[in-house]
Amino acid sequence: MDEVNAEAATAGLDWLSTAGPLLVWVIVLSFVFIECALIVGLFLPGDSLLFAAGVVLAQHDVEGQAWALSAVALATAIVGNQVGYYIGRQTGTRFVARRGGRVLNQQNLDRARAFLDHRGFLAIVAARWIPWIRTLAPLIAGAAGMNARRFLVATTVGAILWVPTLVLIGYYAAGLLSAIPWLGTILVWGAVAFLVLGTGYGVWRYRQDIRRPVDDEPEAAAT
């Protein structure tokens, strides 16, 4: 691991050492909650964030923290989806779709609703791996009146399969590449660049869509 740290420093990534794992925790937990609870999360790169977190923690050689972050981020994802579920139960999805929106549009909302209607419990589990459905699923489930306990079980199973998998793959992939410093450096650069650029692009896309007027087309009947 020392070889990867030395190579990272020479490549201009020594800021990772000064940033420290604490910053990784703050960013990951904040982003995971937002992506699972709020509409702006539609535009955040949640999958790449978790992978990048594992890669960055590998630079500090803190295996225990990688496992601990996996557990805490898992709980955060569950809580976030519960918040999204109750927002959907209280407000429905009528404020989500935007007229002419690239992502926040009635077509995507209907597609997500159809996915949940046809797959039910398994759709909530699988939604963890489908970026835009991951954020819409709790809202739609709440608006449709899905049984709260059933939703909690489904979203918990999904979180268990999603969060630790990506964080730990990132951590151990970076560790395995310590014998090939230049490849490890590329992995670090790629993970961080994708996270930063993906987040910036996502925020820009969100701002573009949210400025559009709400689509007043009646909601499709939830089953």
Protein backbone atom coordinates (compact mmCIF):
# COMPACT_ATOMS: atom_id res chain seq x y z
CA MET A 1 0.00 0.00 0.00
CA ASP A 2 2.96 2.33 0.60
CA GLU A 3 3.81 2.05 -3.09
CA VAL A 4 0.32 3.24 -4.06
CA ASN A 5 0.53 6.17 -1.64
CA ALA A 6 3.94 7.19 -3.01
CA GLU A 7 2.72 6.94 -6.57
CA ALA A 8 -0.40 8.93 -5.70
CA ALA A 9 1.74 11.71 -4.25
CA THR A 10 3.88 11.93 -7.37
CA ALA A 11 0.75 12.03 -9.51
CA GLY A 12 -0.66 14.99 -7.62
CA LEU A 13 -3.04 12.99 -5.45
CA ASP A 14 -1.30 13.64 -2.14
CA TRP A 15 -4.30 15.73 -1.13
CA LEU A 16 -5.99 12.39 -0.39
CA SER A 17 -3.64 11.91 2.52
CA THR A 18 -4.46 15.30 4.00
CA ALA A 19 -8.19 15.00 3.35
CA GLY A 20 -8.39 11.90 5.51
CA PRO A 21 -11.05 9.25 5.87
CA LEU A 22 -13.28 11.64 7.84
CA LEU A 23 -13.98 13.66 4.70
CA VAL A 24 -14.85 10.44 2.87
CA TRP A 25 -17.37 9.60 5.59
CA VAL A 26 -19.01 13.03 5.45
CA ILE A 27 -19.31 13.04 1.66
CA VAL A 28 -20.52 9.45 1.35
CA LEU A 29 -23.14 9.64 4.10
CA SER A 30 -24.45 12.98 2.85
CA PHE A 31 -24.70 11.86 -0.76
CA VAL A 32 -26.22 8.48 0.06
CA PHE A 33 -28.94 10.09 2.18
CA ILE A 34 -29.73 12.72 -0.46
CA GLU A 35 -29.83 10.18 -3.27
CA CYS A 36 -32.14 7.87 -1.37
CA ALA A 37 -34.45 10.54 0.08
CA LEU A 38 -34.66 13.60 -2.15
CA ILE A 39 -35.35 14.26 -5.83
CA VAL A 40 -32.00 15.99 -6.32
CA GLY A 41 -30.49 12.56 -5.67
CA LEU A 42 -31.65 11.53 -9.16
CA PHE A 43 -28.66 13.41 -10.50
CA LEU A 44 -25.96 12.22 -8.10
CA PRO A 45 -23.48 9.44 -9.01
CA GLY A 46 -24.25 7.17 -6.06
CA ASP A 47 -22.72 3.98 -7.45
CA SER A 48 -19.44 5.60 -8.44
CA LEU A 49 -19.36 7.50 -5.14
CA LEU A 50 -19.43 4.30 -3.10
CA PHE A 51 -16.78 2.71 -5.30
CA ALA A 52 -14.60 5.83 -5.13
CA ALA A 53 -14.94 5.90 -1.35
CA GLY A 54 -13.51 2.40 -1.16
CA VAL A 55 -10.63 3.40 -3.44
CA VAL A 56 -9.79 6.48 -1.37
CA LEU A 57 -9.92 4.57 1.92
CA ALA A 58 -7.53 2.05 0.39
CA GLN A 59 -5.00 4.88 0.02
CA HIS A 60 -5.02 5.18 3.82
CA ASP A 61 -4.91 1.41 4.35
CA VAL A 62 -7.87 1.50 6.76
CA GLU A 63 -9.67 -1.76 6.13
CA GLY A 64 -11.70 -1.49 9.33
CA GLN A 65 -13.04 1.89 8.27
CA ALA A 66 -14.07 0.51 4.89
CA TRP A 67 -16.22 -2.11 6.62
CA ALA A 68 -17.52 0.41 9.17
CA LEU A 69 -18.42 2.90 6.43
CA SER A 70 -20.23 0.13 4.58
CA ALA A 71 -22.37 -0.56 7.65
CA VAL A 72 -23.13 3.09 8.44
CA ALA A 73 -23.81 4.01 4.80
CA LEU A 74 -26.10 0.99 4.57
CA ALA A 75 -28.12 2.28 7.53
CA THR A 76 -28.13 5.77 6.00
CA ALA A 77 -29.50 4.39 2.72
CA ILE A 78 -32.32 2.66 4.61
CA VAL A 79 -33.18 5.81 6.58
CA GLY A 80 -33.03 7.90 3.39
CA ASN A 81 -35.47 5.62 1.62
CA GLN A 82 -37.80 5.74 4.62
CA VAL A 83 -37.78 9.54 4.40
CA GLY A 84 -38.51 9.33 0.66
CA TYR A 85 -41.32 6.86 1.33
CA TYR A 86 -43.05 9.16 3.82
CA ILE A 87 -42.58 12.18 1.56
CA GLY A 88 -44.32 10.20 -1.17
CA ARG A 89 -47.08 9.16 1.22
CA GLN A 90 -47.71 12.78 2.22
CA THR A 91 -47.29 14.59 -1.10
CA GLY A 92 -47.57 11.93 -3.80
CA THR A 93 -45.51 12.45 -6.94
CA ARG A 94 -47.45 15.32 -8.46
CA PHE A 95 -44.59 17.81 -7.94
CA VAL A 96 -41.90 15.60 -9.47
CA ALA A 97 -42.47 15.70 -13.23
CA ARG A 98 -41.43 18.82 -15.11
CA ARG A 99 -42.81 19.82 -18.48
CA GLY A 100 -40.03 19.23 -21.00
CA GLY A 101 -37.65 17.93 -18.33
CA ARG A 102 -34.79 15.73 -19.51
CA VAL A 103 -34.94 13.49 -16.43
CA LEU A 104 -37.76 14.86 -14.29
CA ASN A 105 -40.51 14.09 -16.76
CA GLN A 106 -43.81 12.23 -16.73
CA GLN A 107 -42.47 9.46 -18.98
CA ASN A 108 -39.68 8.52 -16.57
CA LEU A 109 -42.08 8.73 -13.66
CA ASP A 110 -44.53 6.41 -15.42
CA ARG A 111 -41.73 3.98 -16.31
CA ALA A 112 -40.59 3.83 -12.70
CA ARG A 113 -44.17 3.37 -11.51
CA ALA A 114 -44.74 0.55 -14.01
CA PHE A 115 -41.52 -1.14 -12.90
CA LEU A 116 -42.69 -1.11 -9.28
CA ASP A 117 -46.22 -2.18 -10.18
CA HIS A 118 -45.04 -5.21 -12.13
CA ARG A 119 -42.26 -6.35 -9.79
CA GLY A 120 -43.50 -5.23 -6.39
CA PHE A 121 -41.22 -6.31 -3.55
CA LEU A 122 -38.39 -7.37 -5.87
CA ALA A 123 -38.55 -4.01 -7.65
CA ILE A 124 -37.67 -2.18 -4.43
CA VAL A 125 -34.74 -4.55 -3.92
CA ALA A 126 -33.53 -4.23 -7.51
CA ALA A 127 -34.07 -0.45 -7.57
CA ARG A 128 -30.88 0.01 -5.55
CA TRP A 129 -28.92 -0.85 -8.68
CA ILE A 130 -30.89 1.38 -11.08
CA PRO A 131 -29.77 5.00 -10.49
CA TRP A 132 -32.86 7.06 -11.30
CA ILE A 133 -35.34 4.45 -10.10
CA ARG A 134 -33.38 4.24 -6.84
CA THR A 135 -34.54 7.76 -5.98
CA LEU A 136 -38.06 7.56 -7.41
CA ALA A 137 -38.96 4.16 -5.93
CA PRO A 138 -39.52 5.33 -2.33
CA LEU A 139 -41.67 8.26 -3.46
CA ILE A 140 -43.79 6.07 -5.70
CA ALA A 141 -44.10 3.31 -3.09
CA GLY A 142 -45.26 5.85 -0.52
CA ALA A 143 -47.68 7.53 -2.91
CA ALA A 144 -49.10 4.13 -3.90
CA GLY A 145 -49.64 3.18 -0.25
CA MET A 146 -47.29 0.19 -0.25
CA ASN A 147 -47.28 -1.53 3.14
CA ALA A 148 -44.70 0.30 5.25
CA ARG A 149 -43.25 -2.86 6.82
CA ARG A 150 -42.99 -4.60 3.46
CA PHE A 151 -41.23 -1.56 2.00
CA LEU A 152 -38.80 -1.44 4.92
CA VAL A 153 -37.85 -5.10 4.48
CA ALA A 154 -37.40 -4.71 0.72
CA THR A 155 -35.31 -1.55 0.95
CA THR A 156 -33.16 -3.10 3.69
CA VAL A 157 -32.41 -6.16 1.56
CA GLY A 158 -31.58 -3.89 -1.37
CA ALA A 159 -29.26 -1.75 0.74
CA ILE A 160 -27.41 -4.80 2.03
CA LEU A 161 -26.76 -5.94 -1.54
CA TRP A 162 -25.81 -2.45 -2.76
CA VAL A 163 -23.72 -0.43 -0.31
CA PRO A 164 -21.14 -2.91 1.06
CA THR A 165 -20.65 -4.48 -2.36
CA LEU A 166 -19.50 -1.26 -4.04
CA VAL A 167 -17.47 0.14 -1.14
CA LEU A 168 -15.59 -3.11 -0.56
CA ILE A 169 -15.02 -3.79 -4.26
CA GLY A 170 -13.45 -0.33 -4.51
CA TYR A 171 -11.31 -0.92 -1.43
CA TYR A 172 -10.02 -4.36 -2.32
CA ALA A 173 -9.61 -3.58 -6.02
CA ALA A 174 -7.32 -0.68 -5.10
CA GLY A 175 -5.46 -2.94 -2.67
CA LEU A 176 -4.91 -5.67 -5.24
CA LEU A 177 -3.47 -3.11 -7.63
CA SER A 178 -0.86 -1.93 -5.11
CA ALA A 179 1.64 -4.17 -6.91
CA ILE A 180 0.99 -2.19 -10.11
CA PRO A 181 1.37 1.45 -8.94
CA TRP A 182 0.62 3.10 -12.27
CA LEU A 183 -2.62 1.15 -12.66
CA GLY A 184 -3.59 1.96 -9.09
CA THR A 185 -3.02 5.64 -9.81
CA ILE A 186 -5.27 5.46 -12.87
CA LEU A 187 -7.97 3.82 -10.74
CA VAL A 188 -7.73 6.58 -8.12
CA TRP A 189 -7.77 9.34 -10.72
CA GLY A 190 -10.67 7.75 -12.55
CA ALA A 191 -12.76 7.24 -9.40
CA VAL A 192 -12.20 10.77 -8.10
CA ALA A 193 -12.63 12.42 -11.51
CA PHE A 194 -15.84 10.53 -12.22
CA LEU A 195 -17.19 11.49 -8.80
CA VAL A 196 -16.35 15.19 -9.13
CA LEU A 197 -17.42 15.55 -12.75
CA GLY A 198 -20.49 13.36 -12.26
CA THR A 199 -21.63 15.41 -9.28
CA GLY A 200 -21.05 18.71 -11.07
CA TYR A 201 -22.91 17.52 -14.16
CA GLY A 202 -25.72 16.12 -12.00
CA VAL A 203 -26.21 19.41 -10.14
CA TRP A 204 -26.26 21.28 -13.46
CA ARG A 205 -28.85 18.86 -14.89
CA TYR A 206 -30.98 19.16 -11.77
CA ARG A 207 -30.95 22.95 -11.97
CA GLN A 208 -31.97 22.77 -15.63
CA ASP A 209 -34.90 20.46 -14.94
CA ILE A 210 -36.14 22.02 -11.71
CA ARG A 211 -36.50 25.42 -13.40
CA ARG A 212 -39.10 24.00 -15.75
CA PRO A 213 -42.80 24.26 -14.85
CA VAL A 214 -44.46 21.37 -13.04
CA ASP A 215 -46.20 18.98 -15.41
CA ASP A 216 -49.86 19.22 -14.37
CA GLU A 217 -50.80 16.00 -16.16
CA PRO A 218 -52.81 13.87 -13.72
CA GLU A 219 -50.86 11.16 -11.98
CA ALA A 220 -51.32 7.67 -13.30
CA ALA A 221 -53.39 5.58 -10.93
CA ALA A 222 -51.14 3.73 -8.51
CA THR A 223 -51.92 0.11 -7.88
